Amino acid sequence: MEIKLIKPTIEYANDIMEYKREFLECGDTMAGCGNLKECSTAEEWIKENELRENSKTIPDDKVSSSAYIAVRMSDNKIVGMINFRHHINHPILGTWGGHIGYSVRPCERKKGYAKEMLRQVIIICKMYGLDKILVTCNKKNIGSKRTIIANGGLFEKYIEVNGDIKERYWIKL
């Protein structure tokens, strides 16, 4: 189950689009994928991610962020995606979006990938000088809750967002 987080590159273009197709077919949310759902090509999505890393080139309604694909070492396949927002000084992110968004490919779930992805991105968050991060999940998403808690998440409170109950967790770095 060894994985590595890497910045998306054109080498993974086909797998990126296959990842998107798999999510669209099952009707699941694409959390942690940035705007992959709206992009028509992997190249477009990769370029968008590069623009979002720099606070000078991000859209006005966004915060700078770093996107990573989680690649399984044994076969070089993308098993997940994770996005780290460099800060949460934003109305949505500070309330319920948090510092981290992630997803695991539907066919690769319940194998521990999300837990390992979050563990690895926490190391990156430390390099950005953060001392704690906010990670949230839907109350009904037991797997995500377990992933957050396994990485040191401490429950803060429930909040309602458009009829859904979200749980807020803080992870001290």
N, C-alpha and C. Protein backbone atom coordinates (compact mmCIF):
# COMPACT_ATOMS: atom_id res chain seq x y z
N MET A 1 0.82 -1.20 0.00
CA MET A 1 0.00 0.00 0.00
C MET A 1 0.86 1.26 0.00
N GLU A 2 2.06 1.18 -0.44
CA GLU A 2 2.90 2.37 -0.46
C GLU A 2 2.43 3.32 -1.55
N ILE A 3 2.26 4.58 -1.15
CA ILE A 3 1.88 5.63 -2.10
C ILE A 3 2.81 6.82 -1.91
N LYS A 4 2.83 7.65 -2.93
CA LYS A 4 3.56 8.92 -2.83
C LYS A 4 2.65 10.02 -3.34
N LEU A 5 2.76 11.19 -2.73
CA LEU A 5 2.03 12.36 -3.21
C LEU A 5 2.94 13.13 -4.14
N ILE A 6 2.44 13.39 -5.33
CA ILE A 6 3.21 14.18 -6.30
C ILE A 6 2.30 15.22 -6.93
N LYS A 7 2.91 16.29 -7.44
CA LYS A 7 2.15 17.28 -8.18
C LYS A 7 1.69 16.63 -9.48
N PRO A 8 0.47 16.94 -9.92
CA PRO A 8 -0.02 16.35 -11.17
C PRO A 8 0.86 16.76 -12.36
N THR A 9 1.18 15.80 -13.20
CA THR A 9 1.97 16.07 -14.40
C THR A 9 1.31 15.42 -15.60
N ILE A 10 1.74 15.84 -16.76
CA ILE A 10 1.16 15.36 -18.02
C ILE A 10 1.38 13.85 -18.17
N GLU A 11 2.39 13.30 -17.53
CA GLU A 11 2.65 11.85 -17.55
C GLU A 11 1.42 11.07 -17.08
N TYR A 12 0.63 11.69 -16.19
CA TYR A 12 -0.54 11.03 -15.62
C TYR A 12 -1.86 11.47 -16.28
N ALA A 13 -1.78 12.13 -17.42
CA ALA A 13 -2.98 12.69 -18.07
C ALA A 13 -4.09 11.66 -18.26
N ASN A 14 -3.78 10.51 -18.81
CA ASN A 14 -4.82 9.50 -19.05
C ASN A 14 -5.45 9.02 -17.74
N ASP A 15 -4.62 8.80 -16.73
CA ASP A 15 -5.12 8.31 -15.45
C ASP A 15 -5.95 9.39 -14.74
N ILE A 16 -5.57 10.66 -14.90
CA ILE A 16 -6.34 11.76 -14.33
C ILE A 16 -7.75 11.77 -14.92
N MET A 17 -7.85 11.62 -16.23
CA MET A 17 -9.16 11.64 -16.88
C MET A 17 -9.96 10.38 -16.55
N GLU A 18 -9.28 9.26 -16.37
CA GLU A 18 -9.94 8.03 -15.97
C GLU A 18 -10.48 8.18 -14.54
N TYR A 19 -9.73 8.82 -13.68
CA TYR A 19 -10.15 9.11 -12.30
C TYR A 19 -11.44 9.93 -12.32
N LYS A 20 -11.43 10.97 -13.15
CA LYS A 20 -12.61 11.83 -13.29
C LYS A 20 -13.81 11.01 -13.79
N ARG A 21 -13.60 10.21 -14.82
CA ARG A 21 -14.69 9.40 -15.38
C ARG A 21 -15.30 8.48 -14.33
N GLU A 22 -14.44 7.86 -13.54
CA GLU A 22 -14.91 6.94 -12.51
C GLU A 22 -15.82 7.67 -11.50
N PHE A 23 -15.44 8.88 -11.12
CA PHE A 23 -16.26 9.65 -10.18
C PHE A 23 -17.58 10.07 -10.80
N LEU A 24 -17.53 10.51 -12.04
CA LEU A 24 -18.76 10.95 -12.70
C LEU A 24 -19.73 9.78 -12.87
N GLU A 25 -19.20 8.61 -13.20
CA GLU A 25 -20.06 7.43 -13.38
C GLU A 25 -20.76 7.00 -12.09
N CYS A 26 -20.09 7.15 -10.96
CA CYS A 26 -20.71 6.72 -9.70
C CYS A 26 -21.48 7.86 -9.03
N GLY A 27 -21.38 9.08 -9.58
CA GLY A 27 -22.14 10.21 -9.04
C GLY A 27 -21.63 10.74 -7.72
N ASP A 28 -20.39 10.41 -7.37
CA ASP A 28 -19.81 10.85 -6.11
C ASP A 28 -19.22 12.25 -6.26
N THR A 29 -19.07 12.92 -5.11
CA THR A 29 -18.44 14.24 -5.15
C THR A 29 -16.97 14.07 -5.47
N MET A 30 -16.38 15.10 -5.99
CA MET A 30 -14.97 15.06 -6.33
C MET A 30 -14.19 15.96 -5.37
N ALA A 31 -14.37 15.74 -4.08
CA ALA A 31 -13.68 16.54 -3.07
C ALA A 31 -12.18 16.38 -3.23
N GLY A 32 -11.47 17.48 -3.05
CA GLY A 32 -10.02 17.43 -3.13
C GLY A 32 -9.46 17.40 -4.52
N CYS A 33 -10.31 17.54 -5.52
CA CYS A 33 -9.87 17.49 -6.92
C CYS A 33 -9.83 18.87 -7.56
N GLY A 34 -10.01 19.91 -6.76
CA GLY A 34 -10.05 21.25 -7.34
C GLY A 34 -11.19 21.32 -8.34
N ASN A 35 -10.91 21.87 -9.50
CA ASN A 35 -11.95 22.02 -10.52
C ASN A 35 -11.85 20.96 -11.62
N LEU A 36 -11.35 19.78 -11.28
CA LEU A 36 -11.22 18.71 -12.28
C LEU A 36 -12.55 18.41 -12.96
N LYS A 37 -13.63 18.48 -12.21
CA LYS A 37 -14.94 18.18 -12.77
C LYS A 37 -15.27 19.10 -13.96
N GLU A 38 -14.84 20.36 -13.88
CA GLU A 38 -15.13 21.35 -14.93
C GLU A 38 -14.13 21.34 -16.08
N CYS A 39 -12.97 20.75 -15.88
CA CYS A 39 -11.93 20.77 -16.92
C CYS A 39 -12.18 19.67 -17.95
N SER A 40 -11.97 20.03 -19.21
CA SER A 40 -12.21 19.05 -20.28
C SER A 40 -10.98 18.21 -20.58
N THR A 41 -9.80 18.65 -20.13
CA THR A 41 -8.58 17.88 -20.36
C THR A 41 -7.72 17.89 -19.10
N ALA A 42 -6.86 16.91 -18.99
CA ALA A 42 -5.92 16.87 -17.86
C ALA A 42 -4.95 18.05 -17.95
N GLU A 43 -4.57 18.41 -19.16
CA GLU A 43 -3.65 19.54 -19.35
C GLU A 43 -4.25 20.82 -18.77
N GLU A 44 -5.52 21.04 -19.03
CA GLU A 44 -6.21 22.22 -18.51
C GLU A 44 -6.19 22.20 -16.97
N TRP A 45 -6.47 21.05 -16.38
CA TRP A 45 -6.51 20.92 -14.93
C TRP A 45 -5.13 21.13 -14.31
N ILE A 46 -4.10 20.56 -14.93
CA ILE A 46 -2.73 20.72 -14.44
C ILE A 46 -2.33 22.19 -14.45
N LYS A 47 -2.63 22.88 -15.56
CA LYS A 47 -2.30 24.30 -15.67
C LYS A 47 -3.05 25.11 -14.61
N GLU A 48 -4.31 24.78 -14.39
CA GLU A 48 -5.12 25.45 -13.37
C GLU A 48 -4.51 25.26 -11.98
N ASN A 49 -4.05 24.07 -11.70
CA ASN A 49 -3.41 23.80 -10.40
C ASN A 49 -2.15 24.64 -10.23
N GLU A 50 -1.38 24.77 -11.29
CA GLU A 50 -0.16 25.58 -11.22
C GLU A 50 -0.50 27.04 -10.93
N LEU A 51 -1.57 27.56 -11.55
CA LEU A 51 -1.99 28.94 -11.30
C LEU A 51 -2.48 29.13 -9.86
N ARG A 52 -3.12 28.12 -9.31
CA ARG A 52 -3.69 28.22 -7.97
C ARG A 52 -2.64 28.13 -6.86
N GLU A 53 -1.44 27.71 -7.19
CA GLU A 53 -0.39 27.63 -6.17
C GLU A 53 0.14 29.00 -5.78
N ASN A 54 0.05 29.95 -6.68
CA ASN A 54 0.62 31.27 -6.46
C ASN A 54 -0.47 32.26 -6.09
N SER A 55 -0.31 32.96 -5.00
CA SER A 55 -1.33 33.92 -4.56
C SER A 55 -1.53 35.06 -5.56
N LYS A 56 -0.58 35.26 -6.47
CA LYS A 56 -0.72 36.33 -7.47
C LYS A 56 -1.53 35.89 -8.69
N THR A 57 -1.71 34.57 -8.87
CA THR A 57 -2.38 34.09 -10.08
C THR A 57 -3.67 33.31 -9.79
N ILE A 58 -4.11 33.30 -8.55
CA ILE A 58 -5.36 32.59 -8.23
C ILE A 58 -6.56 33.48 -8.51
N PRO A 59 -7.71 32.89 -8.81
CA PRO A 59 -8.93 33.69 -8.98
C PRO A 59 -9.25 34.43 -7.67
N ASP A 60 -9.91 35.57 -7.79
CA ASP A 60 -10.20 36.42 -6.63
C ASP A 60 -10.97 35.71 -5.52
N ASP A 61 -11.83 34.76 -5.87
CA ASP A 61 -12.66 34.10 -4.86
C ASP A 61 -12.01 32.84 -4.28
N LYS A 62 -10.73 32.59 -4.59
CA LYS A 62 -10.03 31.38 -4.13
C LYS A 62 -8.84 31.77 -3.26
N VAL A 63 -8.28 30.77 -2.57
CA VAL A 63 -7.02 30.97 -1.85
C VAL A 63 -5.97 30.08 -2.49
N SER A 64 -4.71 30.43 -2.29
CA SER A 64 -3.64 29.62 -2.88
C SER A 64 -3.69 28.21 -2.29
N SER A 65 -3.37 27.23 -3.12
CA SER A 65 -3.46 25.83 -2.72
C SER A 65 -2.49 24.99 -3.52
N SER A 66 -2.23 23.80 -3.00
CA SER A 66 -1.36 22.84 -3.68
C SER A 66 -2.14 21.55 -3.87
N ALA A 67 -2.17 21.07 -5.10
CA ALA A 67 -2.87 19.83 -5.43
C ALA A 67 -1.86 18.72 -5.62
N TYR A 68 -2.24 17.54 -5.15
CA TYR A 68 -1.38 16.37 -5.27
C TYR A 68 -2.21 15.18 -5.73
N ILE A 69 -1.57 14.32 -6.52
CA ILE A 69 -2.17 13.04 -6.82
C ILE A 69 -1.44 12.01 -5.95
N ALA A 70 -2.20 11.04 -5.46
CA ALA A 70 -1.62 9.95 -4.68
C ALA A 70 -1.41 8.78 -5.63
N VAL A 71 -0.17 8.44 -5.83
CA VAL A 71 0.20 7.41 -6.80
C VAL A 71 0.69 6.17 -6.05
N ARG A 72 0.09 5.03 -6.38
CA ARG A 72 0.52 3.77 -5.78
C ARG A 72 1.85 3.37 -6.41
N MET A 73 2.81 3.08 -5.56
CA MET A 73 4.17 2.80 -6.02
C MET A 73 4.25 1.51 -6.85
N SER A 74 3.47 0.51 -6.51
CA SER A 74 3.60 -0.80 -7.18
C SER A 74 3.21 -0.78 -8.65
N ASP A 75 2.24 0.09 -9.02
CA ASP A 75 1.81 0.09 -10.42
C ASP A 75 1.67 1.49 -11.02
N ASN A 76 2.09 2.52 -10.26
CA ASN A 76 2.09 3.90 -10.76
C ASN A 76 0.68 4.40 -11.10
N LYS A 77 -0.33 3.88 -10.41
CA LYS A 77 -1.73 4.26 -10.65
C LYS A 77 -2.18 5.30 -9.62
N ILE A 78 -2.96 6.26 -10.08
CA ILE A 78 -3.54 7.25 -9.17
C ILE A 78 -4.64 6.57 -8.35
N VAL A 79 -4.50 6.63 -7.02
CA VAL A 79 -5.52 6.06 -6.14
C VAL A 79 -6.31 7.15 -5.42
N GLY A 80 -5.79 8.38 -5.41
CA GLY A 80 -6.49 9.46 -4.74
C GLY A 80 -5.94 10.81 -5.14
N MET A 81 -6.64 11.84 -4.67
CA MET A 81 -6.20 13.22 -4.87
C MET A 81 -6.42 13.97 -3.57
N ILE A 82 -5.51 14.91 -3.30
CA ILE A 82 -5.62 15.71 -2.08
C ILE A 82 -5.19 17.13 -2.38
N ASN A 83 -5.88 18.07 -1.78
CA ASN A 83 -5.63 19.48 -2.01
C ASN A 83 -5.41 20.15 -0.67
N PHE A 84 -4.32 20.90 -0.57
CA PHE A 84 -3.97 21.62 0.65
C PHE A 84 -4.09 23.12 0.38
N ARG A 85 -5.00 23.76 1.10
CA ARG A 85 -5.16 25.22 1.00
C ARG A 85 -4.20 25.87 1.98
N HIS A 86 -3.40 26.79 1.48
CA HIS A 86 -2.32 27.36 2.27
C HIS A 86 -2.81 28.17 3.47
N HIS A 87 -4.02 28.65 3.40
CA HIS A 87 -4.65 29.33 4.55
C HIS A 87 -6.16 29.22 4.37
N ILE A 88 -6.90 29.55 5.44
CA ILE A 88 -8.37 29.46 5.36
C ILE A 88 -9.01 30.81 5.69
N ASN A 89 -8.32 31.89 5.34
CA ASN A 89 -8.89 33.23 5.51
C ASN A 89 -9.88 33.48 4.37
N HIS A 90 -10.99 32.79 4.46
CA HIS A 90 -12.00 32.78 3.40
C HIS A 90 -13.30 32.34 4.06
N PRO A 91 -14.44 32.96 3.71
CA PRO A 91 -15.68 32.64 4.42
C PRO A 91 -16.08 31.16 4.41
N ILE A 92 -15.93 30.49 3.30
CA ILE A 92 -16.31 29.08 3.22
C ILE A 92 -15.25 28.20 3.87
N LEU A 93 -13.99 28.41 3.52
CA LEU A 93 -12.93 27.56 4.04
C LEU A 93 -12.80 27.67 5.55
N GLY A 94 -12.94 28.88 6.09
CA GLY A 94 -12.82 29.08 7.53
C GLY A 94 -14.00 28.51 8.30
N THR A 95 -15.13 28.33 7.64
CA THR A 95 -16.33 27.80 8.29
C THR A 95 -16.43 26.29 8.14
N TRP A 96 -16.43 25.81 6.89
CA TRP A 96 -16.62 24.37 6.69
C TRP A 96 -15.72 23.72 5.63
N GLY A 97 -14.98 24.46 4.89
CA GLY A 97 -14.13 23.87 3.85
C GLY A 97 -12.82 23.33 4.38
N GLY A 98 -12.20 24.10 5.26
CA GLY A 98 -10.95 23.68 5.89
C GLY A 98 -9.73 23.78 5.00
N HIS A 99 -8.62 23.33 5.54
CA HIS A 99 -7.33 23.36 4.84
C HIS A 99 -7.18 22.24 3.82
N ILE A 100 -7.90 21.13 4.02
CA ILE A 100 -7.63 19.93 3.23
C ILE A 100 -8.92 19.41 2.59
N GLY A 101 -8.83 19.04 1.34
CA GLY A 101 -9.89 18.30 0.67
C GLY A 101 -9.26 17.08 0.02
N TYR A 102 -9.92 15.95 0.07
CA TYR A 102 -9.33 14.76 -0.53
C TYR A 102 -10.41 13.80 -1.00
N SER A 103 -10.00 12.92 -1.88
CA SER A 103 -10.89 11.85 -2.35
C SER A 103 -10.04 10.65 -2.70
N VAL A 104 -10.67 9.49 -2.61
CA VAL A 104 -10.03 8.25 -3.03
C VAL A 104 -10.88 7.66 -4.14
N ARG A 105 -10.23 7.20 -5.16
CA ARG A 105 -10.89 6.58 -6.30
C ARG A 105 -11.89 5.52 -5.81
N PRO A 106 -13.13 5.55 -6.30
CA PRO A 106 -14.15 4.62 -5.80
C PRO A 106 -13.71 3.15 -5.76
N CYS A 107 -12.98 2.70 -6.75
CA CYS A 107 -12.56 1.29 -6.78
C CYS A 107 -11.39 1.00 -5.83
N GLU A 108 -10.85 2.02 -5.17
CA GLU A 108 -9.68 1.84 -4.31
C GLU A 108 -9.98 2.16 -2.84
N ARG A 109 -11.25 2.33 -2.50
CA ARG A 109 -11.60 2.72 -1.14
C ARG A 109 -11.46 1.58 -0.15
N LYS A 110 -11.40 1.96 1.12
CA LYS A 110 -11.31 1.03 2.26
C LYS A 110 -10.02 0.21 2.24
N LYS A 111 -8.95 0.85 1.75
CA LYS A 111 -7.64 0.20 1.73
C LYS A 111 -6.60 1.00 2.51
N GLY A 112 -7.03 2.09 3.17
CA GLY A 112 -6.11 2.89 3.97
C GLY A 112 -5.43 4.02 3.22
N TYR A 113 -5.79 4.24 1.96
CA TYR A 113 -5.13 5.29 1.18
C TYR A 113 -5.40 6.69 1.73
N ALA A 114 -6.64 6.98 2.10
CA ALA A 114 -6.96 8.32 2.60
C ALA A 114 -6.15 8.65 3.85
N LYS A 115 -6.05 7.70 4.75
CA LYS A 115 -5.28 7.89 5.99
C LYS A 115 -3.83 8.24 5.66
N GLU A 116 -3.24 7.50 4.74
CA GLU A 116 -1.84 7.74 4.36
C GLU A 116 -1.69 9.05 3.59
N MET A 117 -2.65 9.39 2.74
CA MET A 117 -2.59 10.66 2.01
C MET A 117 -2.61 11.83 2.99
N LEU A 118 -3.51 11.76 3.96
CA LEU A 118 -3.60 12.85 4.94
C LEU A 118 -2.32 12.91 5.77
N ARG A 119 -1.78 11.77 6.16
CA ARG A 119 -0.53 11.76 6.92
C ARG A 119 0.59 12.45 6.13
N GLN A 120 0.69 12.15 4.85
CA GLN A 120 1.76 12.75 4.04
C GLN A 120 1.53 14.23 3.81
N VAL A 121 0.29 14.66 3.63
CA VAL A 121 0.06 16.08 3.37
C VAL A 121 0.27 16.91 4.65
N ILE A 122 0.08 16.30 5.81
CA ILE A 122 0.35 17.00 7.07
C ILE A 122 1.81 17.42 7.13
N ILE A 123 2.70 16.58 6.64
CA ILE A 123 4.13 16.92 6.60
C ILE A 123 4.34 18.16 5.73
N ILE A 124 3.63 18.24 4.62
CA ILE A 124 3.74 19.39 3.72
C ILE A 124 3.20 20.64 4.42
N CYS A 125 2.08 20.49 5.13
CA CYS A 125 1.50 21.63 5.86
C CYS A 125 2.50 22.20 6.86
N LYS A 126 3.24 21.34 7.53
CA LYS A 126 4.26 21.79 8.48
C LYS A 126 5.32 22.63 7.78
N MET A 127 5.68 22.24 6.56
CA MET A 127 6.70 22.98 5.81
C MET A 127 6.23 24.38 5.46
N TYR A 128 4.91 24.58 5.41
CA TYR A 128 4.34 25.91 5.15
C TYR A 128 4.24 26.73 6.43
N GLY A 129 4.67 26.16 7.55
CA GLY A 129 4.71 26.90 8.80
C GLY A 129 3.41 26.90 9.59
N LEU A 130 2.45 26.08 9.20
CA LEU A 130 1.19 26.02 9.95
C LEU A 130 1.39 25.26 11.25
N ASP A 131 0.66 25.65 12.31
CA ASP A 131 0.76 24.92 13.57
C ASP A 131 -0.47 24.06 13.82
N LYS A 132 -1.54 24.29 13.04
CA LYS A 132 -2.72 23.44 13.10
C LYS A 132 -3.49 23.59 11.80
N ILE A 133 -4.28 22.55 11.47
CA ILE A 133 -5.09 22.61 10.26
C ILE A 133 -6.51 22.18 10.59
N LEU A 134 -7.45 22.78 9.86
CA LEU A 134 -8.86 22.42 9.97
C LEU A 134 -9.19 21.43 8.87
N VAL A 135 -9.78 20.29 9.28
CA VAL A 135 -10.22 19.28 8.32
C VAL A 135 -11.67 18.96 8.68
N THR A 136 -12.53 18.94 7.68
CA THR A 136 -13.96 18.72 7.93
C THR A 136 -14.46 17.52 7.12
N CYS A 137 -15.61 17.01 7.54
CA CYS A 137 -16.24 15.93 6.78
C CYS A 137 -17.74 15.96 7.06
N ASN A 138 -18.50 15.34 6.18
CA ASN A 138 -19.92 15.17 6.42
C ASN A 138 -20.10 14.21 7.59
N LYS A 139 -21.10 14.47 8.41
CA LYS A 139 -21.35 13.63 9.58
C LYS A 139 -21.56 12.17 9.19
N LYS A 140 -22.17 11.95 8.04
CA LYS A 140 -22.47 10.59 7.59
C LYS A 140 -21.26 9.86 7.00
N ASN A 141 -20.16 10.57 6.76
CA ASN A 141 -18.98 9.97 6.13
C ASN A 141 -18.06 9.37 7.21
N ILE A 142 -18.40 8.17 7.63
CA ILE A 142 -17.67 7.50 8.71
C ILE A 142 -16.20 7.27 8.33
N GLY A 143 -15.95 6.90 7.08
CA GLY A 143 -14.58 6.65 6.64
C GLY A 143 -13.71 7.89 6.76
N SER A 144 -14.24 9.03 6.34
CA SER A 144 -13.48 10.27 6.43
C SER A 144 -13.25 10.66 7.88
N LYS A 145 -14.26 10.49 8.71
CA LYS A 145 -14.12 10.78 10.14
C LYS A 145 -12.98 9.94 10.73
N ARG A 146 -12.95 8.65 10.42
CA ARG A 146 -11.91 7.76 10.93
C ARG A 146 -10.52 8.18 10.43
N THR A 147 -10.46 8.61 9.17
CA THR A 147 -9.20 9.06 8.59
C THR A 147 -8.67 10.27 9.35
N ILE A 148 -9.55 11.23 9.62
CA ILE A 148 -9.15 12.45 10.32
C ILE A 148 -8.70 12.14 11.74
N ILE A 149 -9.47 11.35 12.45
CA ILE A 149 -9.14 11.00 13.84
C ILE A 149 -7.83 10.21 13.91
N ALA A 150 -7.62 9.30 12.95
CA ALA A 150 -6.38 8.51 12.92
C ALA A 150 -5.15 9.38 12.73
N ASN A 151 -5.34 10.57 12.17
CA ASN A 151 -4.23 11.50 11.96
C ASN A 151 -4.19 12.59 13.03
N GLY A 152 -4.85 12.35 14.15
CA GLY A 152 -4.78 13.29 15.27
C GLY A 152 -5.88 14.32 15.31
N GLY A 153 -6.91 14.18 14.49
CA GLY A 153 -8.00 15.15 14.47
C GLY A 153 -8.77 15.17 15.78
N LEU A 154 -8.95 16.36 16.32
CA LEU A 154 -9.73 16.56 17.54
C LEU A 154 -11.03 17.26 17.16
N PHE A 155 -12.15 16.62 17.48
CA PHE A 155 -13.47 17.15 17.14
C PHE A 155 -13.69 18.49 17.83
N GLU A 156 -14.18 19.47 17.04
CA GLU A 156 -14.51 20.78 17.60
C GLU A 156 -16.02 20.95 17.74
N LYS A 157 -16.74 20.82 16.59
CA LYS A 157 -18.19 21.03 16.64
C LYS A 157 -18.83 20.60 15.34
N TYR A 158 -20.16 20.50 15.40
CA TYR A 158 -20.98 20.27 14.21
C TYR A 158 -21.42 21.63 13.68
N ILE A 159 -21.56 21.72 12.36
CA ILE A 159 -22.17 22.89 11.74
C ILE A 159 -23.08 22.43 10.62
N GLU A 160 -24.12 23.21 10.36
CA GLU A 160 -25.03 22.87 9.27
C GLU A 160 -24.68 23.70 8.05
N VAL A 161 -24.60 23.03 6.91
CA VAL A 161 -24.30 23.70 5.64
C VAL A 161 -25.30 23.19 4.61
N ASN A 162 -26.21 24.05 4.19
CA ASN A 162 -27.21 23.69 3.18
C ASN A 162 -27.94 22.38 3.52
N GLY A 163 -28.30 22.22 4.77
CA GLY A 163 -29.04 21.04 5.19
C GLY A 163 -28.19 19.84 5.55
N ASP A 164 -26.90 19.88 5.28
CA ASP A 164 -25.99 18.80 5.65
C ASP A 164 -25.29 19.16 6.96
N ILE A 165 -25.03 18.16 7.78
CA ILE A 165 -24.28 18.39 9.00
C ILE A 165 -22.81 18.04 8.74
N LYS A 166 -21.95 19.00 9.01
CA LYS A 166 -20.51 18.80 8.86
C LYS A 166 -19.86 18.73 10.24
N GLU A 167 -18.76 18.01 10.31
CA GLU A 167 -17.98 17.94 11.54
C GLU A 167 -16.66 18.65 11.31
N ARG A 168 -16.28 19.48 12.27
CA ARG A 168 -15.02 20.22 12.20
C ARG A 168 -14.01 19.56 13.14
N TYR A 169 -12.82 19.29 12.61
CA TYR A 169 -11.72 18.72 13.39
C TYR A 169 -10.47 19.58 13.20
N TRP A 170 -9.70 19.71 14.28
CA TRP A 170 -8.41 20.39 14.21
C TRP A 170 -7.32 19.36 14.43
N ILE A 171 -6.29 19.46 13.61
CA ILE A 171 -5.11 18.61 13.77
C ILE A 171 -3.94 19.53 14.10
N LYS A 172 -3.35 19.31 15.28
CA LYS A 172 -2.16 20.09 15.67
C LYS A 172 -0.95 19.49 14.98
N LEU A 173 -0.12 20.37 14.45
CA LEU A 173 1.05 19.90 13.69
C LEU A 173 2.31 19.95 14.55
